[in-house]
Protein backbone atom coordinates (compact mmCIF):
# COMPACT_ATOMS: atom_id res chain seq x y z
CA MET A 1 17.21 -37.84 7.62
CA GLY A 2 20.06 -35.41 8.05
CA SER A 3 17.50 -32.65 8.60
CA ASP A 4 16.53 -34.25 11.94
CA ARG A 5 19.83 -33.22 13.50
CA ALA A 6 19.85 -29.55 14.43
CA SER A 7 23.60 -29.28 13.83
CA GLU A 8 23.20 -30.06 10.14
CA ARG A 9 21.77 -27.92 7.41
CA ILE A 10 18.68 -29.12 5.55
CA ARG A 11 19.70 -30.42 2.13
CA ILE A 12 17.37 -28.99 -0.50
CA GLY A 13 16.94 -29.47 -4.22
CA VAL A 14 15.32 -26.91 -6.53
CA ILE A 15 13.25 -28.10 -9.49
CA GLY A 16 13.14 -25.38 -12.13
CA ALA A 17 16.62 -23.97 -11.46
CA ASN A 18 17.19 -22.30 -14.82
CA VAL A 19 19.92 -19.66 -14.58
CA SER A 20 18.41 -17.12 -16.96
CA LYS A 21 14.61 -17.28 -16.90
CA GLY A 22 11.81 -18.06 -14.51
CA TRP A 23 11.19 -17.22 -10.88
CA ALA A 24 13.78 -19.51 -9.27
CA HIS A 25 16.91 -17.65 -10.36
CA ARG A 26 15.35 -14.30 -9.40
CA SER A 27 14.22 -15.33 -5.92
CA HIS A 28 14.54 -18.90 -4.59
CA LEU A 29 18.14 -19.59 -5.51
CA PRO A 30 19.64 -16.35 -4.14
CA ALA A 31 17.40 -16.66 -1.08
CA LEU A 32 18.64 -20.17 -0.37
CA LEU A 33 22.28 -19.15 -0.73
CA ALA A 34 21.70 -16.56 2.02
CA SER A 35 19.72 -18.95 4.30
CA PRO A 36 21.94 -20.66 6.90
CA GLU A 37 19.27 -23.30 7.61
CA PHE A 38 19.67 -24.82 4.15
CA GLU A 39 22.33 -26.29 1.91
CA LEU A 40 21.54 -25.92 -1.79
CA THR A 41 22.47 -29.52 -2.55
CA GLY A 42 20.82 -30.13 -5.91
CA VAL A 43 19.39 -28.33 -8.91
CA CYS A 44 17.14 -29.75 -11.60
CA THR A 45 16.33 -28.46 -15.08
CA THR A 46 15.09 -30.23 -18.21
CA ARG A 47 18.49 -30.58 -19.90
CA PRO A 48 21.90 -31.85 -18.66
CA GLU A 49 23.69 -28.76 -19.97
CA SER A 50 21.42 -26.27 -18.18
CA ALA A 51 21.48 -28.35 -14.99
CA GLU A 52 25.30 -28.36 -14.93
CA GLU A 53 25.34 -24.63 -15.67
CA SER A 54 22.98 -23.98 -12.76
CA ALA A 55 25.00 -26.18 -10.41
CA ARG A 56 28.17 -24.27 -11.28
CA LYS A 57 26.58 -20.86 -10.89
CA PHE A 58 24.85 -21.55 -7.59
CA GLY A 59 27.36 -23.98 -6.07
CA ALA A 60 25.12 -27.05 -5.87
CA ARG A 61 26.87 -30.43 -5.50
CA LEU A 62 24.33 -32.34 -7.59
CA ALA A 63 22.83 -31.57 -11.01
CA PHE A 64 19.78 -33.40 -12.34
CA HIS A 65 17.84 -33.22 -15.61
CA ASN A 66 15.21 -35.71 -14.42
CA HIS A 67 13.28 -34.79 -11.30
CA GLU A 68 12.71 -38.46 -10.43
CA ASP A 69 16.47 -38.91 -10.05
CA MET A 70 16.56 -35.96 -7.66
CA LEU A 71 13.66 -37.33 -5.65
CA ALA A 72 15.34 -40.74 -5.41
CA SER A 73 18.52 -39.25 -3.97
CA PRO A 74 19.06 -39.91 -0.25
CA GLU A 75 21.09 -36.68 -0.17
CA ILE A 76 17.97 -34.54 -0.66
CA ASP A 77 15.79 -33.82 2.39
CA ALA A 78 13.48 -31.19 0.89
CA VAL A 79 12.45 -29.97 -2.54
CA ALA A 80 11.35 -26.62 -3.95
CA VAL A 81 9.03 -26.80 -6.97
CA VAL A 82 9.54 -23.54 -8.89
CA VAL A 83 8.20 -24.13 -12.39
CA ARG A 84 5.22 -23.11 -14.51
CA VAL A 85 1.88 -23.63 -12.80
CA PRO A 86 0.64 -26.48 -15.07
CA SER A 87 3.58 -28.61 -13.87
CA HIS A 88 3.11 -27.95 -10.14
CA PHE A 89 0.71 -30.81 -9.50
CA GLN A 90 2.67 -33.79 -10.84
CA LEU A 91 6.07 -32.62 -9.60
CA THR A 92 4.72 -31.85 -6.13
CA LYS A 93 2.83 -35.16 -6.01
CA ASP A 94 5.99 -37.05 -6.94
CA ALA A 95 7.99 -35.19 -4.27
CA LEU A 96 5.40 -35.96 -1.58
CA ASN A 97 5.32 -39.63 -2.56
CA ALA A 98 9.12 -39.66 -2.28
CA GLY A 99 8.78 -38.54 1.33
CA LYS A 100 10.38 -35.14 0.81
CA HIS A 101 9.38 -31.90 2.53
CA VAL A 102 8.05 -29.63 -0.23
CA PHE A 103 7.95 -25.88 -0.89
CA THR A 104 5.78 -25.30 -3.98
CA GLU A 105 5.21 -21.91 -5.51
CA TRP A 106 1.73 -20.38 -5.61
CA PRO A 107 -0.68 -21.28 -7.15
CA LEU A 108 -0.31 -24.75 -5.61
CA GLY A 109 -2.29 -26.31 -8.45
CA ALA A 110 -4.10 -25.26 -11.59
CA THR A 111 -7.40 -26.02 -9.82
CA LEU A 112 -8.87 -26.37 -6.33
CA ALA A 113 -9.12 -30.14 -6.84
CA GLU A 114 -5.37 -30.41 -7.52
CA ALA A 115 -4.56 -28.35 -4.42
CA GLN A 116 -6.87 -30.46 -2.25
CA GLU A 117 -5.27 -33.69 -3.45
CA LEU A 118 -1.77 -32.39 -2.70
CA ALA A 119 -2.73 -31.14 0.77
CA SER A 120 -4.30 -34.52 1.58
CA LEU A 121 -1.26 -36.40 0.30
CA ALA A 122 1.07 -34.23 2.39
CA ARG A 123 -0.90 -35.09 5.53
CA GLN A 124 -0.86 -38.79 4.68
CA ASN A 125 2.91 -38.77 4.22
CA GLY A 126 3.62 -36.70 7.33
CA VAL A 127 5.90 -34.19 5.65
CA GLN A 128 6.16 -30.42 6.06
CA THR A 129 4.89 -28.17 3.29
CA MET A 130 5.13 -24.53 2.31
CA VAL A 131 3.32 -22.65 -0.44
CA GLY A 132 4.77 -19.49 -1.97
CA LEU A 133 2.37 -16.95 -0.49
CA GLN A 134 5.33 -14.94 0.73
CA ALA A 135 3.39 -11.78 1.59
CA ARG A 136 2.47 -13.71 4.76
CA ALA A 137 6.16 -13.60 5.71
CA ALA A 138 6.82 -9.99 4.70
CA PRO A 139 7.89 -7.95 7.77
CA ALA A 140 5.44 -5.14 6.96
CA LEU A 141 2.47 -7.52 6.67
CA LEU A 142 3.47 -9.36 9.86
CA TYR A 143 3.51 -6.00 11.61
CA LEU A 144 0.15 -4.95 10.17
CA LYS A 145 -1.40 -8.22 11.35
CA GLU A 146 0.11 -7.71 14.80
CA LEU A 147 -1.30 -4.17 14.97
CA VAL A 148 -4.80 -5.28 13.93
CA ASP A 149 -4.76 -8.26 16.30
CA SER A 150 -3.62 -6.08 19.21
CA GLY A 151 -6.43 -3.57 18.65
CA TYR A 152 -4.59 -0.66 17.01
CA VAL A 153 -7.60 0.17 14.84
CA GLY A 154 -10.18 -1.36 17.16
CA GLU A 155 -13.12 -3.00 15.44
CA VAL A 156 -12.38 -3.27 11.70
CA MET A 157 -15.13 -1.38 9.89
CA SER A 158 -13.95 -0.99 6.30
CA CYS A 159 -11.04 -2.01 4.07
CA HIS A 160 -9.99 -0.91 0.62
CA LEU A 161 -7.36 -2.63 -1.51
CA ARG A 162 -6.06 -1.58 -4.90
CA MET A 163 -3.19 -2.99 -6.92
CA ILE A 164 -2.77 -1.90 -10.54
CA ARG A 165 0.30 -3.26 -12.31
CA ASP A 166 1.62 -2.92 -15.84
CA GLY A 167 -0.07 -5.36 -18.19
CA VAL A 168 0.69 -6.58 -21.68
CA LEU A 169 -0.82 -6.25 -25.12
CA LYS A 170 1.99 -8.17 -26.78
CA ARG A 171 4.70 -10.68 -25.92
CA THR A 172 6.79 -13.39 -27.54
CA SER A 173 5.11 -16.71 -28.33
CA ASP A 174 7.02 -18.64 -25.64
CA ARG A 175 5.23 -16.50 -23.02
CA THR A 176 1.71 -16.36 -24.44
CA TRP A 177 0.76 -19.62 -22.68
CA GLN A 178 -0.47 -17.47 -19.78
CA ARG A 179 -3.34 -16.27 -21.98
CA ASP A 180 -5.09 -19.61 -21.35
CA ASP A 181 -7.26 -19.35 -18.26
CA SER A 182 -7.31 -23.12 -17.76
CA LEU A 183 -3.55 -23.28 -17.17
CA GLY A 184 -3.89 -21.44 -13.87
CA ALA A 185 -1.39 -18.56 -14.17
CA THR A 186 -3.47 -15.40 -14.55
CA THR A 187 -4.00 -12.01 -12.96
CA LEU A 188 -6.76 -13.65 -10.90
CA THR A 189 -4.61 -16.42 -9.48
CA ILE A 190 -1.26 -14.64 -9.23
CA ALA A 191 -1.51 -10.85 -8.87
CA PHE A 192 -4.96 -10.91 -7.26
CA GLY A 193 -4.28 -14.13 -5.36
CA HIS A 194 -1.12 -12.84 -3.68
CA THR A 195 -2.55 -9.39 -3.00
CA VAL A 196 -5.95 -10.37 -1.62
CA ASP A 197 -4.32 -13.11 0.45
CA ALA A 198 -2.22 -10.43 2.16
CA LEU A 199 -5.46 -8.63 3.10
CA ARG A 200 -7.00 -11.89 4.37
CA PHE A 201 -3.87 -12.55 6.39
CA VAL A 202 -4.09 -9.16 8.11
CA VAL A 203 -7.84 -8.71 8.70
CA GLY A 204 -9.31 -12.21 8.32
CA ASP A 205 -11.40 -14.01 5.76
CA PHE A 206 -14.39 -12.83 3.78
CA SER A 207 -17.82 -14.27 4.53
CA GLU A 208 -19.47 -13.22 1.25
CA VAL A 209 -18.43 -11.62 -2.06
CA SER A 210 -19.88 -9.95 -5.12
CA SER A 211 -17.41 -9.81 -7.97
CA VAL A 212 -16.57 -8.97 -11.56
CA VAL A 213 -13.87 -11.08 -13.21
CA SER A 214 -13.13 -9.58 -16.62
CA THR A 215 -10.77 -9.89 -19.59
CA GLN A 216 -10.34 -6.33 -20.85
CA ALA A 217 -7.57 -7.21 -23.34
CA PRO A 218 -9.09 -10.19 -25.22
CA GLN A 219 -6.15 -10.53 -27.63
CA TRP A 220 -2.35 -10.32 -27.45
CA LEU A 221 0.06 -9.83 -30.31
CA GLU A 222 2.78 -12.48 -30.58
CA THR A 223 5.71 -10.32 -31.57
CA ASP A 224 7.79 -13.11 -33.13
CA THR A 225 4.96 -14.67 -35.17
CA ASN A 226 3.13 -11.36 -35.76
CA GLN A 227 -0.17 -13.08 -34.97
CA LEU A 228 -3.01 -12.04 -32.70
CA VAL A 229 -3.94 -14.74 -30.20
CA ASP A 230 -7.12 -14.93 -28.16
CA VAL A 231 -6.89 -14.39 -24.40
CA THR A 232 -9.24 -16.10 -21.93
CA ALA A 233 -7.25 -15.23 -18.80
CA PRO A 234 -8.82 -12.44 -16.73
CA ASP A 235 -6.91 -9.18 -16.25
CA ASN A 236 -9.33 -7.19 -14.06
CA ILE A 237 -10.88 -8.43 -10.82
CA LEU A 238 -13.23 -6.28 -8.76
CA VAL A 239 -14.66 -7.58 -5.50
CA SER A 240 -16.91 -6.10 -2.86
CA GLY A 241 -17.78 -8.11 0.17
CA ARG A 242 -18.25 -8.57 3.85
CA LEU A 243 -15.58 -9.84 6.20
CA ALA A 244 -16.22 -12.59 8.70
CA ASN A 245 -15.58 -10.04 11.48
CA GLY A 246 -18.39 -7.81 10.15
CA GLY A 247 -16.35 -5.25 8.28
CA VAL A 248 -16.83 -4.46 4.60
CA ALA A 249 -14.15 -4.52 1.92
CA SER A 250 -13.56 -3.50 -1.69
CA VAL A 251 -10.77 -4.82 -3.91
CA HIS A 252 -9.58 -3.95 -7.43
CA VAL A 253 -6.58 -5.78 -8.86
CA ALA A 254 -5.68 -5.35 -12.51
CA SER A 255 -2.94 -5.76 -15.10
CA LEU A 256 -3.31 -2.84 -17.49
CA PRO A 257 -1.20 -0.92 -19.97
CA TRP A 258 0.44 1.34 -19.02
CA ALA A 259 2.17 2.77 -15.93
CA GLY A 260 0.52 0.83 -13.14
CA SER A 261 0.01 2.85 -9.97
CA GLY A 262 1.06 0.08 -7.59
CA TYR A 263 -0.34 -1.26 -4.32
CA ARG A 264 -2.37 0.43 -1.61
CA MET A 265 -4.21 -1.24 1.27
CA GLU A 266 -6.30 0.75 3.77
CA ILE A 267 -7.85 -0.55 6.99
CA TYR A 268 -10.31 1.65 8.88
CA GLY A 269 -11.47 0.85 12.39
CA ARG A 270 -13.37 2.50 15.24
CA GLU A 271 -10.14 3.58 16.91
CA GLY A 272 -7.62 4.09 14.10
CA THR A 273 -6.47 3.64 10.53
CA LEU A 274 -3.66 1.65 8.93
CA ALA A 275 -2.36 1.91 5.38
CA ALA A 276 0.27 0.07 3.35
CA TYR A 277 1.90 1.05 0.06
CA SER A 278 4.26 -0.53 -2.47
CA THR A 279 5.16 -0.20 -6.13
CA ASP A 280 3.92 -3.73 -6.89
CA SER A 281 2.32 -6.73 -5.20
CA PRO A 282 3.18 -6.79 -1.49
CA GLN A 283 5.09 -10.08 -1.71
CA LEU A 284 7.63 -8.70 -4.18
CA GLY A 285 9.34 -5.82 -2.38
CA ALA A 286 9.42 -3.38 0.50
CA VAL A 287 6.09 -2.16 1.86
CA ARG A 288 5.64 1.19 3.58
CA VAL A 289 3.32 1.20 6.61
CA GLN A 290 1.41 4.18 8.02
CA GLY A 291 -0.99 4.54 10.91
CA ALA A 292 -3.16 7.03 12.76
CA LYS A 293 -5.14 6.71 15.99
CA GLY A 294 -7.95 8.91 17.18
CA ARG A 295 -9.84 11.87 15.80
CA GLY A 296 -7.83 14.55 14.00
CA GLU A 297 -4.63 12.53 13.58
CA ARG A 298 -2.96 12.25 10.18
CA LEU A 299 -1.34 9.09 8.82
CA GLN A 300 2.28 8.85 9.91
CA ASP A 301 5.01 6.40 8.89
CA LEU A 302 5.40 3.49 11.31
CA GLU A 303 8.74 1.76 11.79
CA ILE A 304 8.58 -1.99 11.33
CA PRO A 305 10.01 -3.72 14.43
CA ALA A 306 13.10 -5.89 13.98
CA ARG A 307 11.28 -8.89 15.49
CA HIS A 308 9.51 -9.41 12.17
CA THR A 309 12.78 -9.84 10.29
CA TYR A 310 13.85 -13.49 10.24
CA VAL A 311 16.63 -13.38 7.65
CA LEU A 312 20.24 -12.31 8.09
CA GLU A 313 21.62 -9.04 6.78
CA GLY A 314 23.07 -10.80 3.75
CA MET A 315 19.64 -11.61 2.30
CA PRO A 316 19.31 -9.72 -1.01
CA ALA A 317 16.60 -7.06 -1.20
CA GLY A 318 13.75 -7.33 -3.68
CA ALA A 319 12.31 -10.64 -4.88
CA PRO A 320 14.55 -12.93 -2.75
CA TYR A 321 13.84 -11.18 0.55
CA ASN A 322 10.37 -12.43 1.45
CA VAL A 323 11.16 -15.80 -0.11
CA GLY A 324 14.07 -15.92 2.35
CA GLN A 325 11.65 -15.11 5.16
CA MET A 326 9.60 -18.09 3.98
CA TYR A 327 12.61 -20.40 3.95
CA TYR A 328 13.27 -19.51 7.58
CA LEU A 329 9.71 -20.60 8.44
CA PHE A 330 10.07 -23.73 6.30
CA GLY A 331 13.29 -24.63 8.05
CA GLN A 332 11.69 -24.16 11.47
CA ALA A 333 8.78 -26.39 10.45
CA ILE A 334 11.14 -29.15 9.28
CA ARG A 335 13.31 -28.87 12.39
CA THR A 336 10.45 -28.91 14.90
CA GLY A 337 7.86 -30.95 13.01
CA GLU A 338 5.25 -28.48 14.21
CA GLY A 339 4.28 -27.06 10.82
CA GLY A 340 4.60 -23.57 9.51
CA HIS A 341 2.29 -21.31 7.60
CA PRO A 342 1.53 -20.75 4.80
CA ASP A 343 1.28 -24.46 4.05
CA PHE A 344 -0.70 -26.49 1.53
CA ASP A 345 -3.86 -26.16 3.64
CA THR A 346 -3.48 -22.37 3.42
CA ALA A 347 -3.28 -22.74 -0.35
CA VAL A 348 -6.48 -24.81 -0.45
CA GLU A 349 -8.33 -22.05 1.43
CA LEU A 350 -7.17 -19.43 -1.09
CA HIS A 351 -8.02 -21.64 -4.08
CA ARG A 352 -11.51 -22.09 -2.59
CA PHE A 353 -11.87 -18.32 -2.15
CA LEU A 354 -10.87 -17.66 -5.76
CA ASP A 355 -13.47 -20.19 -6.90
CA ALA A 356 -16.13 -18.29 -4.93
CA ILE A 357 -15.09 -15.08 -6.71
CA ARG A 358 -15.39 -16.79 -10.09
CA GLU A 359 -18.79 -18.20 -9.15
CA SER A 360 -20.07 -14.77 -8.12
CA SER A 361 -18.92 -13.20 -11.38
CA ASP A 362 -20.23 -16.04 -13.57
CA GLN A 363 -23.64 -16.08 -11.89
CA GLY A 364 -23.97 -12.36 -11.28
CA ARG A 365 -24.88 -12.76 -7.65
CA GLN A 366 -23.52 -12.58 -4.14
CA VAL A 367 -21.79 -15.78 -3.00
CA ALA A 368 -21.10 -17.04 0.50
CA VAL A 369 -17.44 -17.94 1.14
CA ALA A 370 -17.03 -21.37 2.68
CA ALA A 371 -15.38 -21.31 6.10
CA ALA A 372 -11.97 -22.95 6.38
């Protein structure tokens, strides 16, 4: 493949490249245009007209309205699957079977079983994978992990994580599909999944959890049909647990009306304290880092070292930035063949953790978290 030669850019196609709605046009497409490792070769949407519009806007050479045609193209080395969660499994499976390297957004599948099948298939086909847990590539989180690993706080004793974002009580009918828990795109899988994964990335996995998974807004109003629809998707997740390293942790992630207070993560150790703040989930924008060491010190802002920035200065701020950081890692994995995290195996671990949280809430008891 052309991607084997370091002098050539990796030719990538984006499935779900709508120019006006969805995650791709807000993050993946601008990130790719600012990533020198990649050439945005193809775009795919469900209609010829929207595919051509996307190709014109983003400068792609090829426009597809059938993903199988994109996957059959010898001009595509890698594929990004950036569509609604229920479609992740089949599109990703088809891309893997076509021998393409694949970057699929999180959640990898609607269920743990889907994620496990995709991770196994990726190994069988010997391709590189990436899952969209982009907090793991955020410069602030990379720095926090480095500080914890190097002993800044010493032994981790206690962690607290809170992320409260604006929720909804009403939306248009084309967006109420997320009310269905079985479709896999909920506050538990997305807001909580991204946010708790950032904590796991920095301080390590949980060994046991006690949790409450709750739907506090059991109905939404469809504004265009003026009908109330039932909601099964959870909007509040509370977890207390023990970390594998012996520390304890508490987590509350919620989507609530109105005026969410944002993200705050605190890590307390025998020798120091670290804290991180943002206006939303840590994968979506800039994160402020503070630290203090020793008795009597107050938290002070810490400057994030330049070594944790992988993208060039032209990478847009906001949603594309950490996705761009991920594309750098994806490109390195494809170039070297050595793999890059977070990959599909990382996704399986997080899916398994979310299942343990559900089990604890459903059964009203403490649950052991299976080791990776």
